[in-house]
Protein backbone atom coordinates (compact mmCIF):
# COMPACT_ATOMS: atom_id res chain seq x y z
CA MET A 1 -6.70 305.79 104.26
CA ALA A 2 -4.48 302.62 103.21
CA LYS A 3 -6.09 299.69 101.27
CA ASP A 4 -5.34 297.22 104.16
CA SER A 5 -5.80 299.61 106.92
CA LEU A 6 -8.28 298.51 109.61
CA THR A 7 -12.25 299.49 109.34
CA LEU A 8 -14.94 299.95 112.19
CA ALA A 9 -16.37 296.71 110.36
CA ASP A 10 -12.80 294.86 111.15
CA ILE A 11 -13.44 295.77 114.69
CA GLU A 12 -16.90 294.65 114.93
CA GLY A 13 -16.27 291.14 113.73
CA ALA A 14 -13.37 291.00 116.20
CA GLU A 15 -15.89 291.80 118.78
CA ARG A 16 -18.10 288.84 117.81
CA LEU A 17 -15.00 286.72 117.68
CA ALA A 18 -13.77 287.71 121.50
CA GLY A 19 -17.60 287.86 122.83
CA VAL A 20 -17.16 291.13 123.44
CA SER A 21 -19.22 294.46 122.80
CA TYR A 22 -18.19 297.86 122.64
CA THR A 23 -19.84 301.45 121.74
CA ALA A 24 -19.33 303.41 118.63
CA GLU A 25 -17.33 305.49 120.14
CA GLU A 26 -15.00 303.01 121.97
CA ARG A 27 -14.55 301.46 118.59
CA GLN A 28 -13.52 304.69 116.72
CA LEU A 29 -10.94 304.75 119.56
CA MET A 30 -9.08 301.80 118.66
CA LEU A 31 -9.34 302.16 115.28
CA ASP A 32 -6.97 304.80 115.87
CA ASN A 33 -4.29 303.32 117.74
CA LEU A 34 -4.79 299.69 116.74
CA GLU A 35 -2.22 299.76 114.12
CA GLY A 36 0.72 300.17 116.32
CA GLN A 37 -0.11 296.94 118.29
CA ILE A 38 -0.58 294.95 115.21
CA ALA A 39 2.52 296.20 113.56
CA SER A 40 4.17 294.88 117.00
CA ALA A 41 2.96 291.50 116.78
CA ARG A 42 4.26 291.45 113.02
CA LEU A 43 7.62 292.27 114.15
CA ARG A 44 7.88 289.48 116.55
CA ARG A 45 6.67 287.12 114.14
CA GLY A 46 9.74 288.05 111.94
CA VAL A 47 11.89 286.53 114.59
CA ARG A 48 12.09 282.70 114.00
CA LEU A 49 11.70 280.75 117.15
CA GLY A 50 12.50 277.08 117.34
CA ASN A 51 10.71 274.19 118.66
CA ASP A 52 13.33 273.52 121.22
CA GLU A 53 12.89 277.44 122.83
CA PRO A 54 10.53 277.29 125.83
CA MET A 55 8.54 280.23 126.93
CA ALA A 56 10.15 282.40 129.83
CA THR A 57 7.47 281.43 132.18
CA ARG A 58 7.70 278.05 133.49
CA PHE A 59 4.75 276.47 135.26
CA ASP A 60 5.62 274.67 138.27
CA PRO A 61 2.81 272.34 139.87
CA ARG A 62 3.85 272.82 143.27
CA LEU A 63 1.95 275.79 145.56
CA PRO A 64 3.84 277.63 148.61
CA SER A 65 2.55 274.99 151.05
CA PHE A 66 4.02 271.86 149.18
CA ALA A 67 6.51 269.87 150.68
CA MET A 68 8.57 267.35 148.39
CA PRO A 69 8.62 263.88 149.94
CA ALA A 70 11.65 262.80 152.02
CA PRO A 71 13.68 259.97 150.36
CA GLU A 72 12.71 256.83 152.02
CA GLY A 73 15.62 254.49 151.14
CA PRO A 74 16.84 252.55 147.86
CA LEU A 75 14.28 251.28 145.41
CA ARG A 76 13.25 247.98 146.13
CA PHE A 77 11.40 245.89 143.23
CA SER A 78 9.76 242.56 143.88
CA GLY A 79 12.80 240.48 142.42
CA GLU A 80 10.86 237.35 142.85
CA ASP A 81 11.96 233.87 141.32
CA PRO A 82 10.51 234.33 137.57
CA GLY A 83 10.17 230.67 137.07
CA PRO A 84 11.71 228.58 134.09
CA LEU A 85 11.91 230.41 130.92
CA PRO A 86 8.74 229.71 128.51
CA GLU A 87 9.54 227.46 125.69
CA ALA A 88 7.02 229.41 123.09
CA GLU A 89 8.81 232.67 122.29
CA GLU A 90 5.34 234.24 122.22
CA ASP A 91 5.39 233.68 125.84
CA ILE A 92 8.65 235.30 126.52
CA ALA A 93 7.56 238.44 124.36
CA TYR A 94 4.67 239.05 126.45
CA ALA A 95 6.68 238.34 129.91
CA PRO A 96 6.93 241.73 132.06
CA VAL A 97 9.60 243.49 132.89
CA THR A 98 10.19 241.96 136.18
CA LYS A 99 10.49 238.32 134.66
CA LEU A 100 12.55 238.83 131.66
CA SER A 101 15.06 241.13 134.11
CA GLN A 102 15.88 237.97 136.24
CA TRP A 103 15.76 235.67 133.33
CA LEU A 104 18.60 237.58 131.91
CA ARG A 105 20.22 238.12 134.73
CA ARG A 106 20.40 234.61 135.95
CA GLY A 107 21.90 233.70 132.42
CA MET A 108 18.63 232.06 131.45
CA LEU A 109 17.89 234.39 128.77
CA LYS A 110 20.04 236.60 126.49
CA SER A 111 19.36 239.88 125.61
CA ARG A 112 20.49 239.21 121.78
CA ARG A 113 18.17 236.33 121.39
CA LEU A 114 15.20 238.53 123.25
CA THR A 115 15.90 241.23 120.93
CA GLU A 116 15.81 238.92 117.86
CA ILE A 117 12.31 237.72 119.01
CA TYR A 118 11.02 241.05 119.49
CA LEU A 119 12.34 242.17 116.02
CA ALA A 120 10.75 239.06 114.22
CA ARG A 121 7.54 239.96 115.51
CA VAL A 122 7.56 243.47 114.67
CA GLU A 123 8.40 242.54 111.12
CA ALA A 124 5.39 239.95 111.03
CA LEU A 125 2.64 242.05 112.85
CA ASN A 126 3.94 245.84 111.93
CA PRO A 127 2.53 246.20 108.67
CA ASP A 128 -0.88 245.43 110.30
CA LEU A 129 -0.77 247.71 113.37
CA GLU A 130 1.56 250.45 111.91
CA CYS A 131 2.97 251.13 115.12
CA TYR A 132 6.76 251.67 114.54
CA ALA A 133 7.82 254.73 112.10
CA TRP A 134 11.19 253.45 112.05
CA VAL A 135 13.02 249.98 112.95
CA THR A 136 16.65 250.19 114.35
CA PRO A 137 17.76 246.41 114.25
CA GLU A 138 21.31 247.22 113.77
CA ILE A 139 21.24 249.61 116.98
CA ALA A 140 19.35 247.26 118.67
CA ARG A 141 21.66 244.06 117.89
CA ALA A 142 24.69 245.90 119.03
CA GLU A 143 23.15 247.31 122.49
CA ALA A 144 22.12 243.79 123.11
CA ASP A 145 25.44 242.42 122.37
CA ALA A 146 26.62 245.13 124.45
CA ALA A 147 24.12 244.47 127.23
CA ASP A 148 25.10 240.70 127.19
CA ALA A 149 28.86 240.82 127.15
CA LEU A 150 28.70 243.38 130.51
CA LEU A 151 26.58 240.46 132.16
CA GLY A 152 29.33 237.69 131.04
CA ALA A 153 31.77 240.06 132.82
CA GLY A 154 29.47 240.20 135.96
CA VAL A 155 28.58 243.65 135.35
CA TRP A 156 24.62 244.06 135.89
CA LEU A 157 23.28 247.93 134.85
CA GLY A 158 19.74 247.33 136.88
CA PRO A 159 16.33 245.73 136.13
CA LEU A 160 16.54 247.16 132.44
CA HIS A 161 19.85 245.66 131.55
CA GLY A 162 19.25 243.81 128.25
CA ILE A 163 15.36 245.24 128.13
CA PRO A 164 14.37 246.09 124.45
CA TYR A 165 11.87 248.87 124.30
CA GLY A 166 10.20 251.24 121.93
CA LEU A 167 10.76 254.93 121.84
CA LYS A 168 7.78 257.30 120.77
CA ASP A 169 8.94 259.27 117.81
CA LEU A 170 8.76 262.59 119.42
CA PHE A 171 12.56 261.94 121.01
CA ASP A 172 15.91 262.45 119.02
CA THR A 173 17.69 259.94 118.06
CA LYS A 174 21.31 260.41 116.84
CA GLY A 175 21.28 259.60 113.07
CA VAL A 176 17.69 258.36 113.21
CA VAL A 177 14.79 259.88 111.40
CA THR A 178 12.69 261.56 114.18
CA GLY A 179 9.84 262.65 112.27
CA TRP A 180 7.11 264.12 115.17
CA GLY A 181 4.42 261.96 113.10
CA ALA A 182 3.88 264.83 110.67
CA GLU A 183 4.65 265.31 106.92
CA PRO A 184 6.57 268.94 107.27
CA PHE A 185 9.41 266.86 109.53
CA ARG A 186 9.56 263.09 108.16
CA GLU A 187 12.95 263.36 107.22
CA ARG A 188 14.16 265.31 110.33
CA VAL A 189 17.40 263.57 111.41
CA PRO A 190 18.85 264.72 114.72
CA ASP A 191 22.31 264.96 115.50
CA ARG A 192 22.16 263.92 118.93
CA ASP A 193 19.91 261.83 121.49
CA ALA A 194 17.57 263.16 123.67
CA VAL A 195 18.07 263.04 127.32
CA ILE A 196 16.05 260.15 128.12
CA VAL A 197 17.63 257.73 125.56
CA GLU A 198 20.99 258.39 127.25
CA ARG A 199 19.36 257.17 130.18
CA LEU A 200 17.55 254.38 128.97
CA ARG A 201 21.27 253.66 127.26
CA ALA A 202 22.83 253.71 130.80
CA ALA A 203 20.15 251.72 132.37
CA GLY A 204 20.93 248.92 129.83
CA ALA A 205 17.95 249.10 127.57
CA VAL A 206 17.88 248.33 124.36
CA LEU A 207 16.23 250.36 121.34
CA LEU A 208 14.42 248.31 119.00
CA GLY A 209 13.00 251.36 116.94
CA LYS A 210 10.64 254.90 116.76
CA THR A 211 7.14 253.95 117.97
CA THR A 212 4.23 255.96 115.90
CA VAL A 213 3.07 259.15 117.03
CA GLY A 214 -0.39 260.90 116.18
CA ALA A 215 1.08 264.07 113.92
CA LEU A 216 2.22 266.35 116.15
CA ALA A 217 1.31 264.36 119.24
CA TYR A 218 -2.40 264.50 118.25
CA ASN A 219 -4.21 261.15 117.93
CA ASP A 220 -2.86 258.02 115.87
CA ILE A 221 -2.78 259.20 112.32
CA TRP A 222 0.60 259.74 111.12
CA TYR A 223 2.54 260.29 107.88
CA GLY A 224 2.61 256.77 107.29
CA GLY A 225 -0.84 255.50 107.79
CA VAL A 226 -2.75 255.04 111.13
CA THR A 227 -1.67 253.02 114.00
CA ARG A 228 -4.20 250.12 114.87
CA ASN A 229 -5.78 248.57 118.18
CA PRO A 230 -4.18 244.99 118.41
CA TRP A 231 -7.71 243.96 119.79
CA ASN A 232 -9.50 245.13 117.04
CA LEU A 233 -7.79 246.01 113.73
CA ASN A 234 -10.41 248.05 112.10
CA GLU A 235 -10.25 251.25 114.45
CA GLY A 236 -6.81 253.41 115.64
CA SER A 237 -5.21 252.97 118.93
CA SER A 238 -5.88 256.37 120.28
CA GLY A 239 -3.01 258.48 120.84
CA SER A 240 -0.88 260.08 120.43
CA SER A 241 1.51 257.61 122.15
CA ALA A 242 -0.11 255.50 119.63
CA GLY A 243 2.47 253.24 118.70
CA SER A 244 4.05 252.97 122.04
CA ALA A 245 0.55 251.32 123.24
CA SER A 246 -0.21 249.34 120.18
CA ALA A 247 3.59 247.85 120.27
CA THR A 248 3.39 247.04 124.01
CA ALA A 249 0.00 245.52 124.05
CA ALA A 250 0.96 243.46 121.16
CA GLY A 251 4.11 242.15 122.26
CA LEU A 252 6.47 244.09 120.13
CA CYS A 253 8.83 245.32 122.64
CA ALA A 254 9.08 244.85 126.63
CA PHE A 255 7.88 248.12 127.43
CA ALA A 256 7.50 251.90 125.29
CA ILE A 257 7.90 255.34 126.04
CA GLY A 258 5.32 257.74 126.20
CA THR A 259 4.36 261.41 126.38
CA GLU A 260 1.21 263.17 127.69
CA THR A 261 -0.38 266.71 127.11
CA LEU A 262 -4.06 265.67 127.59
CA GLY A 263 -4.37 261.86 127.78
CA SER A 264 -1.74 260.97 125.15
CA ILE A 265 -0.35 258.08 127.80
CA THR A 266 -3.77 257.35 129.20
CA SER A 267 -6.05 257.58 126.39
CA PRO A 268 -4.14 254.94 124.24
CA SER A 269 -3.42 252.29 127.19
CA GLN A 270 -7.31 252.62 127.78
CA ARG A 271 -7.84 251.40 124.24
CA CYS A 272 -5.02 248.90 123.87
CA GLY A 273 -5.21 247.66 127.46
CA THR A 274 -1.95 248.64 128.59
CA THR A 275 -0.67 250.36 131.88
CA GLY A 276 0.41 253.70 131.42
CA LEU A 277 2.12 255.95 134.53
CA ARG A 278 1.93 259.39 133.81
CA PRO A 279 4.45 260.92 136.56
CA THR A 280 4.20 264.15 137.98
CA PHE A 281 4.88 267.33 135.78
CA GLY A 282 8.55 268.01 135.91
CA ARG A 283 9.83 264.57 136.90
CA VAL A 284 11.10 263.24 133.74
CA PRO A 285 13.21 265.93 131.09
CA ARG A 286 12.16 266.63 128.13
CA THR A 287 15.22 268.01 126.36
CA GLY A 288 15.46 266.56 122.98
CA GLY A 289 11.87 266.13 122.96
CA MET A 290 9.64 267.77 120.47
CA ALA A 291 7.35 270.56 122.54
CA LEU A 292 3.68 270.55 121.94
CA CYS A 293 2.87 272.65 125.32
CA TRP A 294 5.56 273.53 127.71
CA THR A 295 3.58 273.91 130.30
CA LEU A 296 2.07 270.56 130.23
CA ASP A 297 4.29 268.07 128.44
CA LYS A 298 4.97 265.17 130.46
CA VAL A 299 7.23 261.68 129.66
CA GLY A 300 6.17 258.45 131.13
CA PRO A 301 6.14 254.76 130.93
CA ILE A 302 3.63 252.42 128.67
CA CYS A 303 4.20 248.72 129.87
CA ARG A 304 2.11 245.68 130.59
CA SER A 305 2.28 245.73 134.22
CA VAL A 306 2.05 248.07 137.04
CA GLU A 307 5.31 247.31 138.49
CA ASP A 308 6.95 247.41 135.12
CA THR A 309 5.95 251.10 134.95
CA ALA A 310 7.94 251.66 138.27
CA ILE A 311 10.83 250.15 137.06
CA VAL A 312 11.47 252.55 134.07
CA LEU A 313 10.11 255.66 135.84
CA ALA A 314 13.15 255.02 138.04
CA ALA A 315 15.48 255.16 135.26
CA LEU A 316 13.96 258.11 133.63
CA ASN A 317 13.81 260.18 136.91
CA GLY A 318 15.91 263.42 137.78
CA PRO A 319 16.40 266.91 136.47
CA ASP A 320 18.33 268.17 133.57
CA ILE A 321 19.55 271.45 132.70
CA GLY A 322 18.24 271.51 129.26
CA ASP A 323 15.05 271.53 130.16
CA PRO A 324 13.96 274.31 132.69
CA SER A 325 10.59 273.11 134.09
CA THR A 326 12.45 270.05 135.39
CA ILE A 327 12.22 269.72 139.17
CA ALA A 328 14.66 267.46 141.45
CA ALA A 329 12.26 265.11 143.25
CA PRO A 330 13.19 261.67 144.82
CA PHE A 331 11.31 258.74 143.19
CA HIS A 332 10.42 256.17 145.93
CA PHE A 333 9.10 252.65 145.65
CA ASP A 334 9.16 249.63 147.71
CA ALA A 335 7.54 246.63 145.95
CA GLY A 336 6.61 245.32 149.13
CA ALA A 337 5.47 248.71 150.99
CA ALA A 338 2.13 248.86 153.11
CA TRP A 339 -0.74 250.33 151.17
CA LYS A 340 -3.69 249.07 153.53
CA HIS A 341 -3.75 252.41 155.22
CA LEU A 342 -3.94 254.36 151.97
CA ARG A 343 -7.49 256.52 151.78
CA VAL A 344 -9.18 256.12 148.52
CA GLY A 345 -11.74 258.74 147.25
CA TYR A 346 -14.01 258.77 144.34
CA LEU A 347 -16.55 261.00 142.44
CA PRO A 348 -19.91 259.62 142.60
CA GLU A 349 -20.78 261.31 139.05
CA ALA A 350 -17.89 258.96 137.73
CA PHE A 351 -20.20 255.92 138.59
CA GLY A 352 -23.61 257.09 137.65
CA GLU A 353 -25.03 256.89 133.98
CA GLY A 354 -22.58 255.97 131.34
CA ALA A 355 -20.40 253.80 133.89
CA SER A 356 -19.68 250.43 132.69
CA ASP A 357 -19.83 247.19 134.27
CA VAL A 358 -15.55 247.11 134.43
CA ASP A 359 -15.92 250.52 136.24
CA HIS A 360 -18.24 249.29 138.62
CA ALA A 361 -16.08 246.36 139.23
CA ALA A 362 -13.09 247.52 139.79
CA LEU A 363 -14.49 249.94 142.46
CA LYS A 364 -16.01 247.00 144.22
CA ALA A 365 -12.32 245.29 143.92
CA LEU A 366 -10.87 248.36 145.68
CA ARG A 367 -13.29 248.05 148.54
CA GLY A 368 -12.36 244.34 148.90
CA LEU A 369 -8.78 244.82 149.28
CA GLY A 370 -9.46 246.47 152.49
CA VAL A 371 -8.58 250.25 152.15
CA GLU A 372 -11.06 252.76 152.95
CA VAL A 373 -13.21 254.13 150.39
CA ARG A 374 -15.36 257.21 150.16
CA GLU A 375 -16.95 259.85 148.10
CA VAL A 376 -15.23 262.84 147.51
CA ARG A 377 -16.26 266.29 145.78
CA LEU A 378 -14.68 268.51 143.64
CA PRO A 379 -15.37 272.56 143.61
CA ASP A 380 -17.61 273.41 140.37
CA LEU A 381 -15.48 275.24 138.20
CA PRO A 382 -14.92 275.58 134.51
CA TYR A 383 -12.37 273.10 134.08
CA GLY A 384 -12.54 272.26 130.57
CA ALA A 385 -12.03 275.77 129.82
CA LEU A 386 -8.52 275.30 130.54
CA ILE A 387 -8.31 273.57 127.26
CA ASN A 388 -7.75 277.01 125.70
CA LEU A 389 -4.29 276.99 127.05
CA LEU A 390 -3.37 273.83 125.56
CA TYR A 391 -4.54 275.40 122.26
CA ALA A 392 -2.69 278.60 122.67
CA GLU A 393 0.67 276.71 123.50
CA ALA A 394 0.44 274.49 120.65
CA ALA A 395 -0.46 276.87 118.08
CA ALA A 396 2.53 278.83 119.04
CA ALA A 397 4.92 275.55 118.80
CA PHE A 398 3.96 275.37 115.17
CA GLU A 399 3.28 278.78 114.38
CA GLU A 400 5.08 278.70 111.12
CA LEU A 401 3.01 275.83 109.89
CA THR A 402 -0.16 278.01 109.97
CA LEU A 403 1.63 281.38 108.81
CA GLU A 404 3.40 279.49 105.79
CA ASN A 405 0.45 276.88 105.35
CA THR A 406 2.42 274.04 105.71
CA ASP A 407 -0.47 272.98 107.75
CA ASP A 408 -1.89 271.51 104.54
CA THR A 409 0.60 268.83 103.92
CA LEU A 410 -1.02 266.89 107.13
CA THR A 411 -3.05 263.87 106.58
CA TRP A 412 -5.56 264.88 109.14
CA GLN A 413 -7.75 267.57 107.96
CA ASP A 414 -11.00 267.68 110.08
CA ALA A 415 -12.39 270.69 112.19
CA GLY A 416 -10.62 268.78 114.90
CA ALA A 417 -7.48 268.61 113.66
CA TRP A 418 -4.40 270.54 114.10
CA PRO A 419 -4.44 272.61 111.28
CA ASN A 420 -8.05 274.03 112.18
CA THR A 421 -7.14 274.20 115.82
CA PHE A 422 -4.04 276.22 115.44
CA ARG A 423 -6.16 278.47 112.78
CA LYS A 424 -8.55 279.13 115.40
CA ALA A 425 -6.17 279.80 118.11
CA ARG A 426 -4.78 283.12 116.60
CA PHE A 427 -8.35 284.29 117.48
CA LEU A 428 -8.09 283.32 121.25
CA SER A 429 -7.80 286.74 123.54
CA ALA A 430 -4.56 287.32 125.45
CA VAL A 431 -6.49 288.90 128.21
CA ASP A 432 -8.61 285.37 128.61
CA HIS A 433 -5.28 283.55 128.47
CA VAL A 434 -4.31 285.44 131.68
CA GLN A 435 -7.15 284.71 133.13
CA LEU A 436 -7.11 280.97 132.39
CA ASP A 437 -3.59 280.92 133.90
CA ARG A 438 -5.22 282.25 137.06
CA LEU A 439 -8.30 279.73 136.95
CA ARG A 440 -5.70 277.30 136.57
CA LEU A 441 -3.99 278.20 140.02
CA ARG A 442 -7.63 277.74 141.60
CA VAL A 443 -7.83 274.54 140.20
CA MET A 444 -4.27 273.75 141.56
CA LYS A 445 -5.37 274.86 144.77
CA ALA A 446 -8.81 272.59 144.76
CA LEU A 447 -6.91 269.54 143.64
CA ASP A 448 -4.63 270.40 146.64
CA GLY A 449 -7.30 270.33 148.76
CA LEU A 450 -9.22 267.19 147.76
CA PHE A 451 -5.55 265.32 148.29
CA SER A 452 -5.42 266.67 152.00
CA GLU A 453 -8.40 264.41 152.38
CA ILE A 454 -7.78 261.58 150.43
CA ASP A 455 -4.60 259.57 149.49
CA VAL A 456 -5.45 258.29 145.89
CA LEU A 457 -8.28 258.96 143.82
CA ALA A 458 -9.72 256.21 141.94
CA GLY A 459 -12.28 256.22 138.77
CA PRO A 460 -12.78 255.45 134.81
CA PHE A 461 -10.59 257.55 132.45
CA MET A 462 -13.06 260.46 131.92
CA THR A 463 -13.88 260.87 135.70
CA GLY A 464 -15.84 263.86 136.15
CA PRO A 465 -13.34 266.41 135.09
CA MET A 466 -9.83 264.42 136.02
CA LEU A 467 -8.13 264.22 132.79
CA VAL A 468 -8.15 267.99 132.06
CA ALA A 469 -7.92 268.94 135.75
CA SER A 470 -5.08 266.54 136.85
CA ASN A 471 -3.03 267.06 133.47
CA PHE A 472 -3.36 270.86 134.07
CA THR A 473 -2.04 270.71 137.82
CA GLY A 474 0.33 268.09 136.99
CA HIS A 475 -0.74 265.34 139.42
CA PRO A 476 0.34 261.76 138.57
CA CYS A 477 -2.14 259.16 137.15
CA LEU A 478 -1.42 255.33 136.55
CA HIS A 479 -3.95 253.76 134.19
CA LEU A 480 -4.27 249.68 134.33
CA ARG A 481 -6.33 247.42 132.46
CA ALA A 482 -9.57 246.29 134.69
CA GLY A 483 -11.32 244.16 132.67
CA PHE A 484 -13.10 243.70 129.00
CA LEU A 485 -15.97 244.86 127.18
CA ASP A 486 -17.96 244.26 124.02
CA VAL A 487 -18.39 247.75 121.74
CA GLY A 488 -18.58 248.57 118.44
CA THR A 489 -15.53 249.86 116.37
CA ARG A 490 -14.82 253.50 117.68
CA GLY A 491 -13.72 256.37 115.78
CA LYS A 492 -11.03 258.90 116.66
CA ALA A 493 -10.60 261.17 119.46
CA SER A 494 -11.13 264.64 118.93
CA LEU A 495 -10.70 268.08 120.55
CA GLY A 496 -12.88 270.06 117.68
CA ALA A 497 -15.69 270.99 120.03
CA GLY A 498 -13.49 272.75 122.85
CA LYS A 499 -13.47 269.39 124.68
CA LEU A 500 -12.13 265.97 124.25
CA SER A 501 -13.99 263.25 122.90
CA VAL A 502 -12.92 259.79 122.81
CA GLY A 503 -14.45 258.48 119.58
CA GLU A 504 -17.97 257.04 119.05
CA GLU A 505 -19.03 253.63 118.15
CA ASP A 506 -19.74 253.18 114.67
CA ALA A 507 -23.68 251.96 113.79
CA SER A 508 -22.63 248.49 111.77
CA GLY A 509 -23.67 246.39 115.14
CA ARG A 510 -20.76 244.61 115.22
CA THR A 511 -18.65 244.30 118.42
CA PHE A 512 -15.38 243.17 119.51
CA THR A 513 -14.12 241.89 123.05
CA VAL A 514 -11.50 244.85 124.01
CA PRO A 515 -9.69 245.96 126.98
CA GLN A 516 -10.88 248.84 129.51
CA GLY A 517 -8.91 250.40 132.30
CA PHE A 518 -9.12 252.01 135.68
CA SER A 519 -7.04 254.81 136.76
CA LEU A 520 -5.31 256.08 139.80
CA TRP A 521 -4.38 259.57 140.69
CA GLY A 522 -2.23 260.37 143.62
CA ARG A 523 -0.20 263.46 145.12
CA LEU A 524 2.59 265.34 143.61
CA PHE A 525 5.60 263.47 143.34
CA GLU A 526 4.08 260.57 145.05
CA GLU A 527 3.67 258.09 142.45
CA GLY A 528 4.85 255.36 145.26
CA PRO A 529 1.20 254.99 146.75
CA ILE A 530 -0.39 254.73 143.42
CA LEU A 531 1.77 252.16 141.95
CA ASN A 532 1.57 250.00 145.26
CA LEU A 533 -2.10 250.30 145.04
CA GLY A 534 -2.04 249.57 141.42
CA MET A 535 -0.16 246.53 142.20
CA ALA A 536 -2.51 245.24 144.33
CA LEU A 537 -5.78 245.83 142.26
CA GLU A 538 -4.10 244.16 139.35
CA GLN A 539 -3.95 241.49 141.02
CA ALA A 540 -7.13 241.42 142.45
CA LEU A 541 -8.94 242.24 139.01
CA GLY A 542 -6.77 239.19 137.15
CA VAL A 543 -6.86 240.42 133.74
CA ALA A 544 -3.46 241.48 132.98
CA ASP A 545 -2.25 238.29 131.27
CA ARG A 546 -4.97 238.20 128.42
CA ARG A 547 -3.66 238.61 125.06
CA PRO A 548 -4.95 240.68 121.92
CA THR A 549 -6.61 238.73 119.38
CA PHE A 550 -5.99 240.93 116.37
CA ALA A 551 -9.61 240.77 115.24
CA ARG A 552 -10.46 242.40 111.71
């Protein structure tokens, strides 16, 4: 027997990892023919697959009974009188896109001036926040001047015309480093733009720079440091859309782009007090963006108001041939649409032990809006087990880091960090993976049943199984600021225990006043209702205008 051949002890060890038990006779049968299976795996590993090469199997959130919502007419944003332009540049910087857009269109503000305001704030505050990996002042000024020239010629491209934004550093920008937050890729320079960059440019938006991303789309630790929460500089901003949330909350851009696989828009929005919209899976193309999990990754806006997220999503929406998972779907939004008829559900366990005063106040505010609010239930299923699908896809997307030991160059090396998670994923069972995909279908049916009873589900960020369940079914989620709490400095989120933990408070006893959000989930491709209800809830809560304290 060759020195590196399998032994019965090897098979017994593999049984323990797989959680199965075989007889001595069964082990012997496997010992005689496992070598061919292993050889096939090694042959496959000899074929290097790029991050931009997706799986043949595509996820589609639509069940056979699904009917795509029909187009309901043109997009209608509020377009109300923005009032006079503030004298203080800080007041201009924190203004929502709805106001900035009107000031620009009416000639009260130039895109070049607005861009310079944000660039100056980035220069002053980025050393503390570490929320921009790269700033692109030359690109920003050129795009701002072009926007002003078009407006001067009577050409208005829409509500994002002349609006400066931050782009999560997962998306390719021609000639500008796109390092994915990770040491092995920190000098990666693409030769073309991501599709969403092209769409935002066509809408007139102005690129300020690349906002930081937790390495390979996880957490807030990247090759340049740790992105900070502008409400408490002692803690991270959460992630992985770390810089997008931090920069938007701190007034270092008008809006930013984020992505979510499992909480990467909603979690930093929860911590930094921004408003994040995770659209339905397949609505926005990921072409030219780093892939973490092909069946889970979603692209969406991070803003300072609910209506702003609708404006940005309108520019991003639509399929692209470069992303096989995109789905042609109309996006309908009317800022004046009726919403009192909406049926709102909540999971009672989300408002039990552990629920905060902000959570209860938000639910009370919903009731005060006059909509029907009632308890609902989800079937008892092992929703959390689906995370193993995420582990497998992420480990496949960055297999070379594990096999070539370049994962050692990543800064974060804890038990819950990617290097260890990728290594553990090699022990996941392919059979269990198929079974998890079948469980995923059952979860899709469970949420489909839920949304046959209600139009919107409301609750805290960690409502029951919804963070996991809705990400795996592809349902949209709007997360908006709902209030403030006094809490200690919180640690980083982790997937290390086979579930998402959002970070425990330290034991120092010192507290900081920080924002807390509230989530609204909607039906597939029906972001409009949660946006309309979100606008009403935002107004009722009255906490959207409070600014970060940059406390130390």
